[in-house]
């Protein structure tokens, strides 16, 4: 059954169901992250949103790549994507697989992602702050303002950047404390919620009182089940790792029961199945 994204209104969608965000798509085996194929798999496996990383080539093209991961993902040393032209990348650069052997996949462009997924899902454009004007111009050119979600750190400079370049784009600050809430309410920004990071269960950011207050203000709360480094605790160990090791109630169930609206995961199908089997996927 085709999903209803309510005209790509994130808040309306969240009233219907828990929003699953696929971190860099779904990847594994010989299929790398941040590729068109990984994003297609994510949608087949139940994702409502795909998270993409954006970098920029020397000659000004926006490409899908996590800056700083050249050595890990491409076996590319001594040169960054920012120092190469798009033609050089497409001719010579390939992703590697789990065994660090080269695959057939090169980097795709932001334009290719927008062309493929326009009207099909929400898209979180990560690293937006590095090229805000260029990315926003492309969002508008494709008419995807309602489909895109952007996030930044909660600083005055970043709020100024969003207000200047992307005031209509759905925006979430990435926060470790809620102090920026009142300022954002006064800004010309499409402030739809916050991504919260917390190391302990006693953090105010994961208390029902905070989440309920955000909901009363019409805001959503995004939480990360992903683990990108085991010492970087993003959600008090209520994580994909905890769920996949055999305790999905503590890993994912706790997050949903707390009232979080958006869960970013590296295990899209398993999270979707778990939420469906436990009756938590759709709001009652």
Protein backbone atom coordinates (compact mmCIF):
# COMPACT_ATOMS: atom_id res chain seq x y z
CA UNK A 1 0.00 0.00 0.00
CA UNK A 2 1.39 3.43 -0.94
CA UNK A 3 2.21 5.59 2.04
CA UNK A 4 0.41 8.82 2.78
CA UNK A 5 2.90 11.60 3.49
CA UNK A 6 0.13 14.22 3.89
CA UNK A 7 1.58 16.46 1.20
CA UNK A 8 4.99 16.04 2.83
CA UNK A 9 4.04 17.64 6.11
CA UNK A 10 6.35 15.96 8.60
CA UNK A 11 4.20 16.79 11.60
CA UNK A 12 1.04 15.44 9.98
CA UNK A 13 2.87 12.26 9.03
CA UNK A 14 4.15 11.82 12.60
CA UNK A 15 0.61 12.00 13.95
CA UNK A 16 -0.14 8.87 11.92
CA UNK A 17 2.95 6.76 12.61
CA UNK A 18 6.47 6.54 13.99
CA UNK A 19 8.75 7.90 11.27
CA UNK A 20 11.64 5.58 10.39
CA UNK A 21 14.73 7.26 8.97
CA UNK A 22 17.28 5.07 7.16
CA UNK A 23 20.79 6.27 8.03
CA UNK A 24 22.61 6.56 4.66
CA UNK A 25 20.08 4.11 3.19
CA UNK A 26 20.31 0.35 3.73
CA UNK A 27 23.65 -1.16 2.84
CA UNK A 28 25.72 -4.28 3.32
CA UNK A 29 27.48 -7.01 1.41
CA UNK A 30 28.52 -5.48 -1.90
CA UNK A 31 26.08 -2.55 -1.79
CA UNK A 32 27.61 0.60 -0.23
CA UNK A 33 25.87 3.32 1.74
CA UNK A 34 24.80 6.65 0.25
CA UNK A 35 23.99 5.15 -3.15
CA UNK A 36 20.76 5.16 -5.13
CA UNK A 37 20.53 1.41 -4.58
CA UNK A 38 20.89 1.74 -0.80
CA UNK A 39 18.08 4.29 -0.76
CA UNK A 40 15.79 2.12 -2.90
CA UNK A 41 16.36 -0.78 -0.52
CA UNK A 42 15.53 1.48 2.42
CA UNK A 43 12.14 2.36 0.96
CA UNK A 44 11.40 -1.30 0.20
CA UNK A 45 12.26 -2.12 3.81
CA UNK A 46 9.83 0.40 5.29
CA UNK A 47 11.72 3.69 5.61
CA UNK A 48 9.69 6.89 5.57
CA UNK A 49 12.81 9.04 5.28
CA UNK A 50 16.32 8.57 3.92
CA UNK A 51 19.33 10.37 5.37
CA UNK A 52 21.88 11.52 2.80
CA UNK A 53 25.27 13.18 3.16
CA UNK A 54 26.24 15.96 0.75
CA UNK A 55 29.71 17.04 -0.33
CA UNK A 56 30.86 19.39 -3.10
CA UNK A 57 33.42 18.77 -5.82
CA UNK A 58 36.15 21.18 -6.85
CA UNK A 59 34.12 22.26 -9.86
CA UNK A 60 30.99 22.94 -7.82
CA UNK A 61 28.89 19.79 -8.21
CA UNK A 62 26.93 18.51 -5.22
CA UNK A 63 27.56 14.80 -4.68
CA UNK A 64 26.36 12.28 -2.13
CA UNK A 65 29.23 11.45 0.18
CA UNK A 66 30.11 11.77 3.86
CA UNK A 67 33.00 14.28 4.01
CA UNK A 68 36.11 12.87 5.64
CA UNK A 69 35.32 9.23 4.86
CA UNK A 70 37.40 8.98 1.68
CA UNK A 71 39.88 6.47 3.09
CA UNK A 72 37.23 4.27 4.71
CA UNK A 73 34.60 4.23 1.96
CA UNK A 74 36.63 4.75 -1.21
CA UNK A 75 40.17 3.59 -0.35
CA UNK A 76 41.14 7.08 -1.46
CA UNK A 77 44.15 8.59 0.28
CA UNK A 78 45.96 11.87 -0.20
CA UNK A 79 42.97 13.54 -1.85
CA UNK A 80 39.45 14.54 -0.84
CA UNK A 81 36.25 14.74 -2.86
CA UNK A 82 36.41 18.52 -2.47
CA UNK A 83 39.72 18.50 -4.36
CA UNK A 84 38.43 16.50 -7.34
CA UNK A 85 36.20 17.33 -10.29
CA UNK A 86 33.02 15.40 -10.95
CA UNK A 87 34.53 13.94 -14.12
CA UNK A 88 37.56 12.67 -12.17
CA UNK A 89 35.33 11.12 -9.54
CA UNK A 90 33.06 9.38 -12.01
CA UNK A 91 36.03 8.04 -13.98
CA UNK A 92 38.29 6.87 -11.16
CA UNK A 93 36.49 6.68 -7.80
CA UNK A 94 34.51 3.66 -6.59
CA UNK A 95 33.06 2.67 -3.25
CA UNK A 96 34.49 -0.37 -1.53
CA UNK A 97 32.50 -3.17 0.07
CA UNK A 98 32.76 -4.68 3.54
CA UNK A 99 36.02 -6.44 2.60
CA UNK A 100 37.35 -3.15 1.17
CA UNK A 101 37.29 -4.52 -2.36
CA UNK A 102 36.05 -2.13 -5.02
CA UNK A 103 32.41 -2.19 -6.16
CA UNK A 104 30.78 -0.90 -9.33
CA UNK A 105 29.31 2.06 -7.42
CA UNK A 106 30.63 5.56 -7.86
CA UNK A 107 29.25 8.66 -6.21
CA UNK A 108 25.86 9.89 -7.31
CA UNK A 109 24.89 13.54 -7.47
CA UNK A 110 22.32 15.34 -5.36
CA UNK A 111 20.43 16.04 -8.55
CA UNK A 112 20.19 12.29 -9.27
CA UNK A 113 18.85 11.62 -5.77
CA UNK A 114 16.25 14.37 -6.05
CA UNK A 115 15.21 13.16 -9.50
CA UNK A 116 14.83 9.57 -8.30
CA UNK A 117 13.07 10.22 -4.98
CA UNK A 118 10.98 13.31 -5.62
CA UNK A 119 7.48 12.62 -4.29
CA UNK A 120 8.45 9.25 -2.74
CA UNK A 121 9.76 9.87 0.80
CA UNK A 122 11.14 12.46 3.16
CA UNK A 123 14.84 13.24 2.74
CA UNK A 124 17.15 14.45 5.49
CA UNK A 125 20.00 16.35 3.81
CA UNK A 126 22.95 16.09 6.16
CA UNK A 127 25.97 18.42 5.97
CA UNK A 128 23.53 21.02 4.63
CA UNK A 129 25.43 23.82 6.39
CA UNK A 130 28.51 23.35 4.19
CA UNK A 131 26.70 24.41 1.00
CA UNK A 132 23.40 25.98 2.08
CA UNK A 133 22.81 28.25 -0.90
CA UNK A 134 23.57 25.60 -3.53
CA UNK A 135 21.54 22.88 -1.81
CA UNK A 136 18.56 25.16 -1.22
CA UNK A 137 18.62 26.33 -4.83
CA UNK A 138 18.39 22.72 -5.95
CA UNK A 139 15.61 21.92 -3.49
CA UNK A 140 13.59 24.81 -4.92
CA UNK A 141 14.41 23.90 -8.51
CA UNK A 142 12.93 20.45 -7.92
CA UNK A 143 9.97 21.85 -5.95
CA UNK A 144 10.82 19.66 -2.96
CA UNK A 145 10.67 22.22 -0.15
CA UNK A 146 8.16 20.18 1.86
CA UNK A 147 9.96 16.90 1.32
CA UNK A 148 13.33 17.95 2.75
CA UNK A 149 14.47 18.07 6.37
CA UNK A 150 17.70 19.81 7.43
CA UNK A 151 19.49 19.91 10.78
CA UNK A 152 22.38 21.87 12.27
CA UNK A 153 24.01 22.50 15.61
CA UNK A 154 22.04 25.01 17.73
CA UNK A 155 24.14 28.14 17.34
CA UNK A 156 23.19 31.70 16.45
CA UNK A 157 25.34 31.47 13.33
CA UNK A 158 23.51 28.36 12.16
CA UNK A 159 20.11 29.89 12.90
CA UNK A 160 21.15 32.93 10.87
CA UNK A 161 22.21 30.63 8.02
CA UNK A 162 18.88 28.78 7.99
CA UNK A 163 16.94 32.03 8.21
CA UNK A 164 18.89 33.49 5.29
CA UNK A 165 19.01 30.54 2.91
CA UNK A 166 16.25 28.08 3.81
CA UNK A 167 13.52 29.67 5.97
CA UNK A 168 10.78 27.46 4.48
CA UNK A 169 12.64 24.14 4.75
CA UNK A 170 11.66 21.86 7.67
CA UNK A 171 14.38 22.38 10.28
CA UNK A 172 15.55 20.61 13.45
CA UNK A 173 18.45 21.74 15.66
CA UNK A 174 20.67 18.96 17.05
CA UNK A 175 20.60 19.58 20.78
CA UNK A 176 21.97 18.36 24.10
CA UNK A 177 19.89 20.85 26.08
CA UNK A 178 16.59 22.57 25.29
CA UNK A 179 17.71 26.16 25.82
CA UNK A 180 17.42 27.22 22.15
CA UNK A 181 13.67 26.52 21.98
CA UNK A 182 12.46 30.03 22.81
CA UNK A 183 14.87 31.71 20.36
CA UNK A 184 13.81 29.43 17.52
CA UNK A 185 10.16 30.28 18.14
CA UNK A 186 10.98 33.93 17.39
CA UNK A 187 12.95 33.20 14.21
CA UNK A 188 11.76 33.21 10.60
CA UNK A 189 12.52 29.48 10.40
CA UNK A 190 10.32 26.46 9.71
CA UNK A 191 11.19 24.99 13.09
CA UNK A 192 9.40 21.63 13.21
CA UNK A 193 11.22 19.94 16.09
CA UNK A 194 14.58 18.90 17.49
CA UNK A 195 17.05 16.05 17.24
CA UNK A 196 18.03 15.18 20.81
CA UNK A 197 21.27 13.59 22.02
CA UNK A 198 21.46 12.17 25.53
CA UNK A 199 23.85 9.83 27.30
CA UNK A 200 21.73 9.00 30.37
CA UNK A 201 18.12 8.14 31.03
CA UNK A 202 17.85 10.99 33.53
CA UNK A 203 18.54 13.60 30.81
CA UNK A 204 15.71 16.14 30.56
CA UNK A 205 15.65 15.55 26.79
CA UNK A 206 14.25 12.04 27.11
CA UNK A 207 11.71 12.73 29.83
CA UNK A 208 8.02 12.51 28.94
CA UNK A 209 7.57 16.05 30.30
CA UNK A 210 9.95 17.50 27.70
CA UNK A 211 8.55 15.45 24.83
CA UNK A 212 4.97 16.30 25.83
CA UNK A 213 5.86 20.00 25.99
CA UNK A 214 7.37 19.83 22.50
CA UNK A 215 4.24 18.11 21.22
CA UNK A 216 2.02 20.77 22.81
CA UNK A 217 4.04 23.37 20.89
CA UNK A 218 3.50 21.39 17.69
CA UNK A 219 7.11 20.18 17.53
CA UNK A 220 8.56 16.73 16.86
CA UNK A 221 11.43 14.96 18.60
CA UNK A 222 13.99 12.95 16.62
CA UNK A 223 16.12 10.31 18.34
CA UNK A 224 19.05 8.24 17.07
CA UNK A 225 19.15 4.48 17.50
CA UNK A 226 22.29 4.35 15.32
CA UNK A 227 25.73 3.68 16.77
CA UNK A 228 28.51 5.24 14.70
CA UNK A 229 31.12 4.98 17.46
CA UNK A 230 30.60 2.98 20.61
CA UNK A 231 31.89 5.77 22.86
CA UNK A 232 29.51 8.32 21.33
CA UNK A 233 26.31 7.53 23.23
CA UNK A 234 23.38 9.13 21.44
CA UNK A 235 20.35 7.73 23.27
CA UNK A 236 21.46 6.22 26.61
CA UNK A 237 22.24 2.89 24.89
CA UNK A 238 18.67 2.49 23.63
CA UNK A 239 20.17 1.63 20.28
CA UNK A 240 20.19 -0.60 17.23
CA UNK A 241 22.97 -2.61 18.86
CA UNK A 242 20.87 -3.24 21.97
CA UNK A 243 17.89 -4.26 19.84
CA UNK A 244 19.82 -6.52 17.47
CA UNK A 245 21.65 -8.24 20.32
CA UNK A 246 18.29 -9.56 21.44
CA UNK A 247 16.54 -6.84 23.45
CA UNK A 248 14.42 -4.79 21.05
CA UNK A 249 12.16 -3.67 23.90
CA UNK A 250 15.06 -1.86 25.53
CA UNK A 251 16.60 -0.84 22.22
CA UNK A 252 13.61 0.45 20.22
CA UNK A 253 10.51 -0.09 22.34
CA UNK A 254 11.75 2.26 25.06
CA UNK A 255 12.22 5.04 22.49
CA UNK A 256 8.74 4.68 21.05
CA UNK A 257 7.10 4.38 24.47
CA UNK A 258 8.82 7.60 25.56
CA UNK A 259 7.03 9.36 22.71
CA UNK A 260 9.80 10.03 20.21
CA UNK A 261 8.43 10.76 16.75
CA UNK A 262 11.37 9.97 14.46
CA UNK A 263 13.89 7.16 14.89
CA UNK A 264 17.05 7.05 12.80
CA UNK A 265 18.32 3.50 12.33
CA UNK A 266 20.78 1.32 10.45
CA UNK A 267 18.37 -1.64 10.67
CA UNK A 268 15.33 -0.39 8.79
CA UNK A 269 13.52 -3.66 8.07
CA UNK A 270 14.02 -5.05 11.56
CA UNK A 271 12.75 -1.85 13.18
CA UNK A 272 9.74 -1.70 10.87
CA UNK A 273 8.87 -5.35 11.55
CA UNK A 274 9.32 -4.96 15.28
CA UNK A 275 7.11 -1.88 15.47
CA UNK A 276 4.46 -3.60 13.36
CA UNK A 277 4.52 -6.82 15.37
CA UNK A 278 4.21 -4.96 18.68
CA UNK A 279 1.49 -2.59 17.48
CA UNK A 280 3.69 0.49 17.81
CA UNK A 281 4.17 1.53 14.15
CA UNK A 282 0.92 3.50 13.86
CA UNK A 283 -0.49 5.98 16.35
CA UNK A 284 -3.67 5.02 18.12
